[in-house]
Amino acid sequence: MVENELAVLREIRRIVSQELEWEGEVEPTHHLMKDLQLDSMGLTVLAVELENHFRIRLSAEDSVGVNTVGDLMRLVATRAAGEPRAAAGGAP
């Protein structure tokens, strides 16, 4: 995992615990809806918080293929680095 991805993971963990009141672990392998029990509102809060923190814009197209914390972490890290699309490995 690159440093940028670790920063994104730390922010995802902060948002999920503080904003969404999740009390369990948050690992890259966790499924956003199944393991973290996020609904559409929770996913929206998470996306908006990440956009604000990293000063990026995520679109509905970006969400295709994003199922796990790791998928989201790679997508946000890629966008924060200024790349238009995430590398192969789950996220578009």
PDB file of N, CA and C in Angstrom:
ATOM      1  N   MET A   1       0.841  -1.177   0.000  1.00  0.00           N
ATOM      2  CA  MET A   1       0.000   0.000   0.000  1.00  0.00           C
ATOM      3  C   MET A   1       0.888   1.243   0.000  1.00  0.00           C
ATOM      4  N   VAL A   2       0.586   2.163  -0.866  1.00  0.00           N
ATOM      5  CA  VAL A   2       1.373   3.396  -0.931  1.00  0.00           C
ATOM      6  C   VAL A   2       0.908   4.373   0.145  1.00  0.00           C
ATOM      7  N   GLU A   3       1.743   5.347   0.435  1.00  0.00           N
ATOM      8  CA  GLU A   3       1.451   6.307   1.493  1.00  0.00           C
ATOM      9  C   GLU A   3       0.132   7.036   1.274  1.00  0.00           C
ATOM     10  N   ASN A   4      -0.139   7.401   0.022  1.00  0.00           N
ATOM     11  CA  ASN A   4      -1.384   8.089  -0.312  1.00  0.00           C
ATOM     12  C   ASN A   4      -2.598   7.221   0.036  1.00  0.00           C
ATOM     13  N   GLU A   5      -2.502   5.922  -0.247  1.00  0.00           N
ATOM     14  CA  GLU A   5      -3.596   5.010   0.067  1.00  0.00           C
ATOM     15  C   GLU A   5      -3.787   4.887   1.571  1.00  0.00           C
ATOM     16  N   LEU A   6      -2.683   4.894   2.325  1.00  0.00           N
ATOM     17  CA  LEU A   6      -2.786   4.826   3.781  1.00  0.00           C
ATOM     18  C   LEU A   6      -3.480   6.057   4.347  1.00  0.00           C
ATOM     19  N   ALA A   7      -3.208   7.223   3.777  1.00  0.00           N
ATOM     20  CA  ALA A   7      -3.874   8.454   4.211  1.00  0.00           C
ATOM     21  C   ALA A   7      -5.377   8.360   3.942  1.00  0.00           C
ATOM     22  N   VAL A   8      -5.742   7.802   2.802  1.00  0.00           N
ATOM     23  CA  VAL A   8      -7.158   7.639   2.462  1.00  0.00           C
ATOM     24  C   VAL A   8      -7.801   6.644   3.425  1.00  0.00           C
ATOM     25  N   LEU A   9      -7.124   5.543   3.715  1.00  0.00           N
ATOM     26  CA  LEU A   9      -7.663   4.549   4.639  1.00  0.00           C
ATOM     27  C   LEU A   9      -7.889   5.163   6.023  1.00  0.00           C
ATOM     28  N   ARG A  10      -6.936   5.961   6.486  1.00  0.00           N
ATOM     29  CA  ARG A  10      -7.108   6.629   7.786  1.00  0.00           C
ATOM     30  C   ARG A  10      -8.338   7.529   7.783  1.00  0.00           C
ATOM     31  N   GLU A  11      -8.541   8.249   6.684  1.00  0.00           N
ATOM     32  CA  GLU A  11      -9.699   9.144   6.599  1.00  0.00           C
ATOM     33  C   GLU A  11     -11.000   8.351   6.507  1.00  0.00           C
ATOM     34  N   ILE A  12     -11.011   7.262   5.760  1.00  0.00           N
ATOM     35  CA  ILE A  12     -12.201   6.406   5.689  1.00  0.00           C
ATOM     36  C   ILE A  12     -12.539   5.899   7.089  1.00  0.00           C
ATOM     37  N   ARG A  13     -11.528   5.437   7.813  1.00  0.00           N
ATOM     38  CA  ARG A  13     -11.759   4.948   9.182  1.00  0.00           C
ATOM     39  C   ARG A  13     -12.324   6.051  10.075  1.00  0.00           C
ATOM     40  N   ARG A  14     -11.793   7.267   9.950  1.00  0.00           N
ATOM     41  CA  ARG A  14     -12.274   8.385  10.767  1.00  0.00           C
ATOM     42  C   ARG A  14     -13.738   8.685  10.453  1.00  0.00           C
ATOM     43  N   ILE A  15     -14.061   8.776   9.169  1.00  0.00           N
ATOM     44  CA  ILE A  15     -15.430   9.101   8.758  1.00  0.00           C
ATOM     45  C   ILE A  15     -16.402   8.022   9.228  1.00  0.00           C
ATOM     46  N   VAL A  16     -16.032   6.772   9.005  1.00  0.00           N
ATOM     47  CA  VAL A  16     -16.928   5.672   9.358  1.00  0.00           C
ATOM     48  C   VAL A  16     -17.160   5.625  10.870  1.00  0.00           C
ATOM     49  N   SER A  17     -16.126   5.866  11.660  1.00  0.00           N
ATOM     50  CA  SER A  17     -16.314   5.804  13.110  1.00  0.00           C
ATOM     51  C   SER A  17     -16.959   7.063  13.671  1.00  0.00           C
ATOM     52  N   GLN A  18     -16.519   8.237  13.233  1.00  0.00           N
ATOM     53  CA  GLN A  18     -17.024   9.478  13.813  1.00  0.00           C
ATOM     54  C   GLN A  18     -18.335   9.948  13.191  1.00  0.00           C
ATOM     55  N   GLU A  19     -18.408   9.961  11.889  1.00  0.00           N
ATOM     56  CA  GLU A  19     -19.594  10.482  11.213  1.00  0.00           C
ATOM     57  C   GLU A  19     -20.716   9.446  11.107  1.00  0.00           C
ATOM     58  N   LEU A  20     -20.341   8.194  10.911  1.00  0.00           N
ATOM     59  CA  LEU A  20     -21.344   7.151  10.707  1.00  0.00           C
ATOM     60  C   LEU A  20     -21.492   6.236  11.918  1.00  0.00           C
ATOM     61  N   GLU A  21     -20.727   6.528  12.972  1.00  0.00           N
ATOM     62  CA  GLU A  21     -20.829   5.846  14.265  1.00  0.00           C
ATOM     63  C   GLU A  21     -20.644   4.329  14.193  1.00  0.00           C
ATOM     64  N   TRP A  22     -19.731   3.882  13.341  1.00  0.00           N
ATOM     65  CA  TRP A  22     -19.394   2.456  13.246  1.00  0.00           C
ATOM     66  C   TRP A  22     -18.379   2.154  14.339  1.00  0.00           C
ATOM     67  N   GLU A  23     -18.598   1.105  15.107  1.00  0.00           N
ATOM     68  CA  GLU A  23     -17.731   0.801  16.235  1.00  0.00           C
ATOM     69  C   GLU A  23     -16.763  -0.342  15.971  1.00  0.00           C
ATOM     70  N   GLY A  24     -16.856  -0.991  14.826  1.00  0.00           N
ATOM     71  CA  GLY A  24     -15.997  -2.120  14.531  1.00  0.00           C
ATOM     72  C   GLY A  24     -14.750  -1.721  13.761  1.00  0.00           C
ATOM     73  N   GLU A  25     -14.004  -2.726  13.353  1.00  0.00           N
ATOM     74  CA  GLU A  25     -12.802  -2.529  12.545  1.00  0.00           C
ATOM     75  C   GLU A  25     -13.192  -2.095  11.138  1.00  0.00           C
ATOM     76  N   VAL A  26     -12.285  -1.393  10.482  1.00  0.00           N
ATOM     77  CA  VAL A  26     -12.471  -1.000   9.082  1.00  0.00           C
ATOM     78  C   VAL A  26     -11.190  -1.381   8.351  1.00  0.00           C
ATOM     79  N   GLU A  27     -11.266  -2.438   7.559  1.00  0.00           N
ATOM     80  CA  GLU A  27     -10.109  -2.957   6.837  1.00  0.00           C
ATOM     81  C   GLU A  27     -10.368  -2.893   5.332  1.00  0.00           C
ATOM     82  N   PRO A  28      -9.290  -2.842   4.529  1.00  0.00           N
ATOM     83  CA  PRO A  28      -9.450  -2.766   3.069  1.00  0.00           C
ATOM     84  C   PRO A  28     -10.301  -3.890   2.473  1.00  0.00           C
ATOM     85  N   THR A  29     -10.322  -5.044   3.108  1.00  0.00           N
ATOM     86  CA  THR A  29     -11.088  -6.177   2.572  1.00  0.00           C
ATOM     87  C   THR A  29     -12.574  -6.100   2.906  1.00  0.00           C
ATOM     88  N   HIS A  30     -12.965  -5.190   3.784  1.00  0.00           N
ATOM     89  CA  HIS A  30     -14.371  -5.100   4.186  1.00  0.00           C
ATOM     90  C   HIS A  30     -15.248  -4.544   3.073  1.00  0.00           C
ATOM     91  N   HIS A  31     -16.380  -5.187   2.878  1.00  0.00           N
ATOM     92  CA  HIS A  31     -17.383  -4.742   1.914  1.00  0.00           C
ATOM     93  C   HIS A  31     -18.120  -3.561   2.531  1.00  0.00           C
ATOM     94  N   LEU A  32     -18.290  -2.500   1.755  1.00  0.00           N
ATOM     95  CA  LEU A  32     -18.902  -1.272   2.272  1.00  0.00           C
ATOM     96  C   LEU A  32     -20.326  -1.494   2.786  1.00  0.00           C
ATOM     97  N   MET A  33     -21.121  -2.272   2.076  1.00  0.00           N
ATOM     98  CA  MET A  33     -22.514  -2.471   2.488  1.00  0.00           C
ATOM     99  C   MET A  33     -22.684  -3.703   3.370  1.00  0.00           C
ATOM    100  N   LYS A  34     -22.044  -4.807   3.009  1.00  0.00           N
ATOM    101  CA  LYS A  34     -22.240  -6.045   3.767  1.00  0.00           C
ATOM    102  C   LYS A  34     -21.530  -6.019   5.112  1.00  0.00           C
ATOM    103  N   ASP A  35     -20.260  -5.625   5.128  1.00  0.00           N
ATOM    104  CA  ASP A  35     -19.486  -5.670   6.369  1.00  0.00           C
ATOM    105  C   ASP A  35     -19.667  -4.424   7.228  1.00  0.00           C
ATOM    106  N   LEU A  36     -19.698  -3.249   6.590  1.00  0.00           N
ATOM    107  CA  LEU A  36     -19.828  -1.997   7.345  1.00  0.00           C
ATOM    108  C   LEU A  36     -21.282  -1.542   7.466  1.00  0.00           C
ATOM    109  N   GLN A  37     -22.178  -2.276   6.807  1.00  0.00           N
ATOM    110  CA  GLN A  37     -23.614  -2.032   6.868  1.00  0.00           C
ATOM    111  C   GLN A  37     -23.996  -0.604   6.455  1.00  0.00           C
ATOM    112  N   LEU A  38     -23.296  -0.073   5.436  1.00  0.00           N
ATOM    113  CA  LEU A  38     -23.617   1.266   4.943  1.00  0.00           C
ATOM    114  C   LEU A  38     -24.781   1.188   3.965  1.00  0.00           C
ATOM    115  N   ASP A  39     -25.743   2.070   4.135  1.00  0.00           N
ATOM    116  CA  ASP A  39     -26.847   2.180   3.190  1.00  0.00           C
ATOM    117  C   ASP A  39     -26.522   3.319   2.231  1.00  0.00           C
ATOM    118  N   SER A  40     -27.471   3.691   1.382  1.00  0.00           N
ATOM    119  CA  SER A  40     -27.194   4.730   0.392  1.00  0.00           C
ATOM    120  C   SER A  40     -26.845   6.060   1.064  1.00  0.00           C
ATOM    121  N   MET A  41     -27.470   6.378   2.183  1.00  0.00           N
ATOM    122  CA  MET A  41     -27.157   7.617   2.894  1.00  0.00           C
ATOM    123  C   MET A  41     -25.739   7.556   3.474  1.00  0.00           C
ATOM    124  N   GLY A  42     -25.376   6.439   4.053  1.00  0.00           N
ATOM    125  CA  GLY A  42     -24.034   6.276   4.601  1.00  0.00           C
ATOM    126  C   GLY A  42     -22.971   6.362   3.525  1.00  0.00           C
ATOM    127  N   LEU A  43     -23.234   5.754   2.376  1.00  0.00           N
ATOM    128  CA  LEU A  43     -22.292   5.819   1.260  1.00  0.00           C
ATOM    129  C   LEU A  43     -22.148   7.246   0.749  1.00  0.00           C
ATOM    130  N   THR A  44     -23.258   7.972   0.733  1.00  0.00           N
ATOM    131  CA  THR A  44     -23.224   9.372   0.287  1.00  0.00           C
ATOM    132  C   THR A  44     -22.412  10.224   1.257  1.00  0.00           C
ATOM    133  N   VAL A  45     -22.638  10.049   2.548  1.00  0.00           N
ATOM    134  CA  VAL A  45     -21.866  10.789   3.556  1.00  0.00           C
ATOM    135  C   VAL A  45     -20.382  10.493   3.399  1.00  0.00           C
ATOM    136  N   LEU A  46     -20.047   9.219   3.242  1.00  0.00           N
ATOM    137  CA  LEU A  46     -18.654   8.821   3.081  1.00  0.00           C
ATOM    138  C   LEU A  46     -18.043   9.474   1.845  1.00  0.00           C
ATOM    139  N   ALA A  47     -18.743   9.431   0.719  1.00  0.00           N
ATOM    140  CA  ALA A  47     -18.231  10.014  -0.524  1.00  0.00           C
ATOM    141  C   ALA A  47     -18.046  11.523  -0.402  1.00  0.00           C
ATOM    142  N   VAL A  48     -19.030  12.210   0.158  1.00  0.00           N
ATOM    143  CA  VAL A  48     -18.952  13.670   0.290  1.00  0.00           C
ATOM    144  C   VAL A  48     -17.808  14.064   1.226  1.00  0.00           C
ATOM    145  N   GLU A  49     -17.664  13.365   2.328  1.00  0.00           N
ATOM    146  CA  GLU A  49     -16.571  13.655   3.272  1.00  0.00           C
ATOM    147  C   GLU A  49     -15.207  13.439   2.612  1.00  0.00           C
ATOM    148  N   LEU A  50     -15.077  12.367   1.843  1.00  0.00           N
ATOM    149  CA  LEU A  50     -13.813  12.104   1.142  1.00  0.00           C
ATOM    150  C   LEU A  50     -13.548  13.171   0.084  1.00  0.00           C
ATOM    151  N   GLU A  51     -14.587  13.561  -0.646  1.00  0.00           N
ATOM    152  CA  GLU A  51     -14.435  14.629  -1.646  1.00  0.00           C
ATOM    153  C   GLU A  51     -13.951  15.916  -0.987  1.00  0.00           C
ATOM    154  N   ASN A  52     -14.554  16.279   0.120  1.00  0.00           N
ATOM    155  CA  ASN A  52     -14.179  17.506   0.815  1.00  0.00           C
ATOM    156  C   ASN A  52     -12.770  17.444   1.382  1.00  0.00           C
ATOM    157  N   HIS A  53     -12.430  16.332   1.982  1.00  0.00           N
ATOM    158  CA  HIS A  53     -11.115  16.202   2.602  1.00  0.00           C
ATOM    159  C   HIS A  53      -9.984  16.220   1.571  1.00  0.00           C
ATOM    160  N   PHE A  54     -10.165  15.459   0.488  1.00  0.00           N
ATOM    161  CA  PHE A  54      -9.106  15.320  -0.511  1.00  0.00           C
ATOM    162  C   PHE A  54      -9.263  16.282  -1.689  1.00  0.00           C
ATOM    163  N   ARG A  55     -10.321  17.088  -1.652  1.00  0.00           N
ATOM    164  CA  ARG A  55     -10.580  18.081  -2.705  1.00  0.00           C
ATOM    165  C   ARG A  55     -10.627  17.443  -4.097  1.00  0.00           C
ATOM    166  N   ILE A  56     -11.459  16.414  -4.173  1.00  0.00           N
ATOM    167  CA  ILE A  56     -11.662  15.691  -5.427  1.00  0.00           C
ATOM    168  C   ILE A  56     -13.147  15.661  -5.730  1.00  0.00           C
ATOM    169  N   ARG A  57     -13.509  15.149  -6.885  1.00  0.00           N
ATOM    170  CA  ARG A  57     -14.910  14.980  -7.253  1.00  0.00           C
ATOM    171  C   ARG A  57     -15.089  13.528  -7.687  1.00  0.00           C
ATOM    172  N   LEU A  58     -16.061  12.851  -7.082  1.00  0.00           N
ATOM    173  CA  LEU A  58     -16.395  11.481  -7.450  1.00  0.00           C
ATOM    174  C   LEU A  58     -17.738  11.505  -8.159  1.00  0.00           C
ATOM    175  N   SER A  59     -17.866  10.707  -9.215  1.00  0.00           N
ATOM    176  CA  SER A  59     -19.121  10.671  -9.971  1.00  0.00           C
ATOM    177  C   SER A  59     -19.808   9.321  -9.764  1.00  0.00           C
ATOM    178  N   ALA A  60     -21.033   9.235 -10.242  1.00  0.00           N
ATOM    179  CA  ALA A  60     -21.768   7.973 -10.175  1.00  0.00           C
ATOM    180  C   ALA A  60     -21.020   6.886 -10.957  1.00  0.00           C
ATOM    181  N   GLU A  61     -20.384   7.283 -12.060  1.00  0.00           N
ATOM    182  CA  GLU A  61     -19.600   6.324 -12.843  1.00  0.00           C
ATOM    183  C   GLU A  61     -18.455   5.750 -12.031  1.00  0.00           C
ATOM    184  N   ASP A  62     -17.889   6.569 -11.132  1.00  0.00           N
ATOM    185  CA  ASP A  62     -16.783   6.110 -10.296  1.00  0.00           C
ATOM    186  C   ASP A  62     -17.198   4.968  -9.382  1.00  0.00           C
ATOM    187  N   SER A  63     -18.459   4.962  -8.978  1.00  0.00           N
ATOM    188  CA  SER A  63     -18.911   3.963  -8.010  1.00  0.00           C
ATOM    189  C   SER A  63     -19.032   2.562  -8.606  1.00  0.00           C
ATOM    190  N   VAL A  64     -19.059   2.462  -9.929  1.00  0.00           N
ATOM    191  CA  VAL A  64     -19.132   1.155 -10.571  1.00  0.00           C
ATOM    192  C   VAL A  64     -17.869   0.369 -10.241  1.00  0.00           C
ATOM    193  N   GLY A  65     -18.041  -0.787  -9.651  1.00  0.00           N
ATOM    194  CA  GLY A  65     -16.905  -1.630  -9.300  1.00  0.00           C
ATOM    195  C   GLY A  65     -16.307  -1.327  -7.937  1.00  0.00           C
ATOM    196  N   VAL A  66     -16.825  -0.333  -7.231  1.00  0.00           N
ATOM    197  CA  VAL A  66     -16.328  -0.018  -5.896  1.00  0.00           C
ATOM    198  C   VAL A  66     -17.241  -0.718  -4.895  1.00  0.00           C
ATOM    199  N   ASN A  67     -16.711  -1.796  -4.313  1.00  0.00           N
ATOM    200  CA  ASN A  67     -17.493  -2.590  -3.365  1.00  0.00           C
ATOM    201  C   ASN A  67     -16.859  -2.648  -1.989  1.00  0.00           C
ATOM    202  N   THR A  68     -15.535  -2.599  -1.952  1.00  0.00           N
ATOM    203  CA  THR A  68     -14.833  -2.749  -0.682  1.00  0.00           C
ATOM    204  C   THR A  68     -14.164  -1.439  -0.268  1.00  0.00           C
ATOM    205  N   VAL A  69     -13.746  -1.401   0.977  1.00  0.00           N
ATOM    206  CA  VAL A  69     -12.973  -0.254   1.470  1.00  0.00           C
ATOM    207  C   VAL A  69     -11.726  -0.080   0.615  1.00  0.00           C
ATOM    208  N   GLY A  70     -11.080  -1.175   0.238  1.00  0.00           N
ATOM    209  CA  GLY A  70      -9.879  -1.120  -0.591  1.00  0.00           C
ATOM    210  C   GLY A  70     -10.143  -0.520  -1.961  1.00  0.00           C
ATOM    211  N   ASP A  71     -11.277  -0.881  -2.563  1.00  0.00           N
ATOM    212  CA  ASP A  71     -11.655  -0.307  -3.867  1.00  0.00           C
ATOM    213  C   ASP A  71     -11.795   1.210  -3.753  1.00  0.00           C
ATOM    214  N   LEU A  72     -12.499   1.643  -2.721  1.00  0.00           N
ATOM    215  CA  LEU A  72     -12.717   3.073  -2.510  1.00  0.00           C
ATOM    216  C   LEU A  72     -11.404   3.782  -2.200  1.00  0.00           C
ATOM    217  N   MET A  73     -10.578   3.151  -1.396  1.00  0.00           N
ATOM    218  CA  MET A  73      -9.275   3.704  -1.025  1.00  0.00           C
ATOM    219  C   MET A  73      -8.419   3.951  -2.266  1.00  0.00           C
ATOM    220  N   ARG A  74      -8.356   2.961  -3.164  1.00  0.00           N
ATOM    221  CA  ARG A  74      -7.554   3.105  -4.386  1.00  0.00           C
ATOM    222  C   ARG A  74      -8.118   4.182  -5.315  1.00  0.00           C
ATOM    223  N   LEU A  75      -9.449   4.231  -5.431  1.00  0.00           N
ATOM    224  CA  LEU A  75     -10.087   5.239  -6.279  1.00  0.00           C
ATOM    225  C   LEU A  75      -9.767   6.644  -5.778  1.00  0.00           C
ATOM    226  N   VAL A  76      -9.961   6.885  -4.492  1.00  0.00           N
ATOM    227  CA  VAL A  76      -9.728   8.214  -3.931  1.00  0.00           C
ATOM    228  C   VAL A  76      -8.249   8.577  -4.017  1.00  0.00           C
ATOM    229  N   ALA A  77      -7.361   7.635  -3.724  1.00  0.00           N
ATOM    230  CA  ALA A  77      -5.919   7.901  -3.808  1.00  0.00           C
ATOM    231  C   ALA A  77      -5.519   8.265  -5.230  1.00  0.00           C
ATOM    232  N   THR A  78      -6.091   7.573  -6.206  1.00  0.00           N
ATOM    233  CA  THR A  78      -5.795   7.853  -7.612  1.00  0.00           C
ATOM    234  C   THR A  78      -6.290   9.234  -8.001  1.00  0.00           C
ATOM    235  N   ARG A  79      -7.511   9.564  -7.602  1.00  0.00           N
ATOM    236  CA  ARG A  79      -8.062  10.881  -7.909  1.00  0.00           C
ATOM    237  C   ARG A  79      -7.267  11.985  -7.215  1.00  0.00           C
ATOM    238  N   ALA A  80      -6.892  11.762  -5.967  1.00  0.00           N
ATOM    239  CA  ALA A  80      -6.126  12.759  -5.213  1.00  0.00           C
ATOM    240  C   ALA A  80      -4.763  12.996  -5.845  1.00  0.00           C
ATOM    241  N   ALA A  81      -4.235  11.971  -6.519  1.00  0.00           N
ATOM    242  CA  ALA A  81      -2.943  12.100  -7.193  1.00  0.00           C
ATOM    243  C   ALA A  81      -3.095  12.776  -8.555  1.00  0.00           C
ATOM    244  N   GLY A  82      -4.344  13.053  -8.943  1.00  0.00           N
ATOM    245  CA  GLY A  82      -4.586  13.756 -10.193  1.00  0.00           C
ATOM    246  C   GLY A  82      -4.792  12.881 -11.397  1.00  0.00           C
ATOM    247  N   GLU A  83      -4.902  11.580 -11.182  1.00  0.00           N
ATOM    248  CA  GLU A  83      -5.125  10.661 -12.292  1.00  0.00           C
ATOM    249  C   GLU A  83      -6.623  10.521 -12.533  1.00  0.00           C
ATOM    250  N   PRO A  84      -7.054  10.417 -13.794  1.00  0.00           N
ATOM    251  CA  PRO A  84      -8.486  10.378 -14.088  1.00  0.00           C
ATOM    252  C   PRO A  84      -9.179   9.087 -13.682  1.00  0.00           C
ATOM    253  N   ARG A  85      -8.517   7.981 -13.733  1.00  0.00           N
ATOM    254  CA  ARG A  85      -9.124   6.692 -13.417  1.00  0.00           C
ATOM    255  C   ARG A  85      -8.201   5.869 -12.532  1.00  0.00           C
ATOM    256  N   ALA A  86      -8.779   5.038 -11.692  1.00  0.00           N
ATOM    257  CA  ALA A  86      -7.994   4.162 -10.834  1.00  0.00           C
ATOM    258  C   ALA A  86      -7.374   3.048 -11.666  1.00  0.00           C
ATOM    259  N   ALA A  87      -6.301   2.498 -11.175  1.00  0.00           N
ATOM    260  CA  ALA A  87      -5.633   1.391 -11.855  1.00  0.00           C
ATOM    261  C   ALA A  87      -6.502   0.147 -11.731  1.00  0.00           C
ATOM    262  N   ALA A  88      -6.232  -0.836 -12.594  1.00  0.00           N
ATOM    263  CA  ALA A  88      -6.971  -2.082 -12.566  1.00  0.00           C
ATOM    264  C   ALA A  88      -6.836  -2.717 -11.191  1.00  0.00           C
ATOM    265  N   GLY A  89      -7.873  -3.417 -10.779  1.00  0.00           N
ATOM    266  CA  GLY A  89      -7.829  -4.056  -9.496  1.00  0.00           C
ATOM    267  C   GLY A  89      -9.098  -3.788  -8.705  1.00  0.00           C
ATOM    268  N   GLY A  90     -10.158  -3.501  -9.391  1.00  0.00           N
ATOM    269  CA  GLY A  90     -11.427  -3.331  -8.714  1.00  0.00           C
ATOM    270  C   GLY A  90     -12.130  -2.056  -9.087  1.00  0.00           C
ATOM    271  N   ALA A  91     -11.483  -0.940  -8.939  1.00  0.00           N
ATOM    272  CA  ALA A  91     -12.143   0.330  -9.216  1.00  0.00           C
ATOM    273  C   ALA A  91     -11.848   0.768 -10.641  1.00  0.00           C
ATOM    274  N   PRO A  92     -12.805   1.427 -11.266  1.00  0.00           N
ATOM    275  CA  PRO A  92     -12.586   1.867 -12.651  1.00  0.00           C
ATOM    276  C   PRO A  92     -11.597   3.014 -12.739  1.00  0.00           C
TER     277      PRO A  92
END
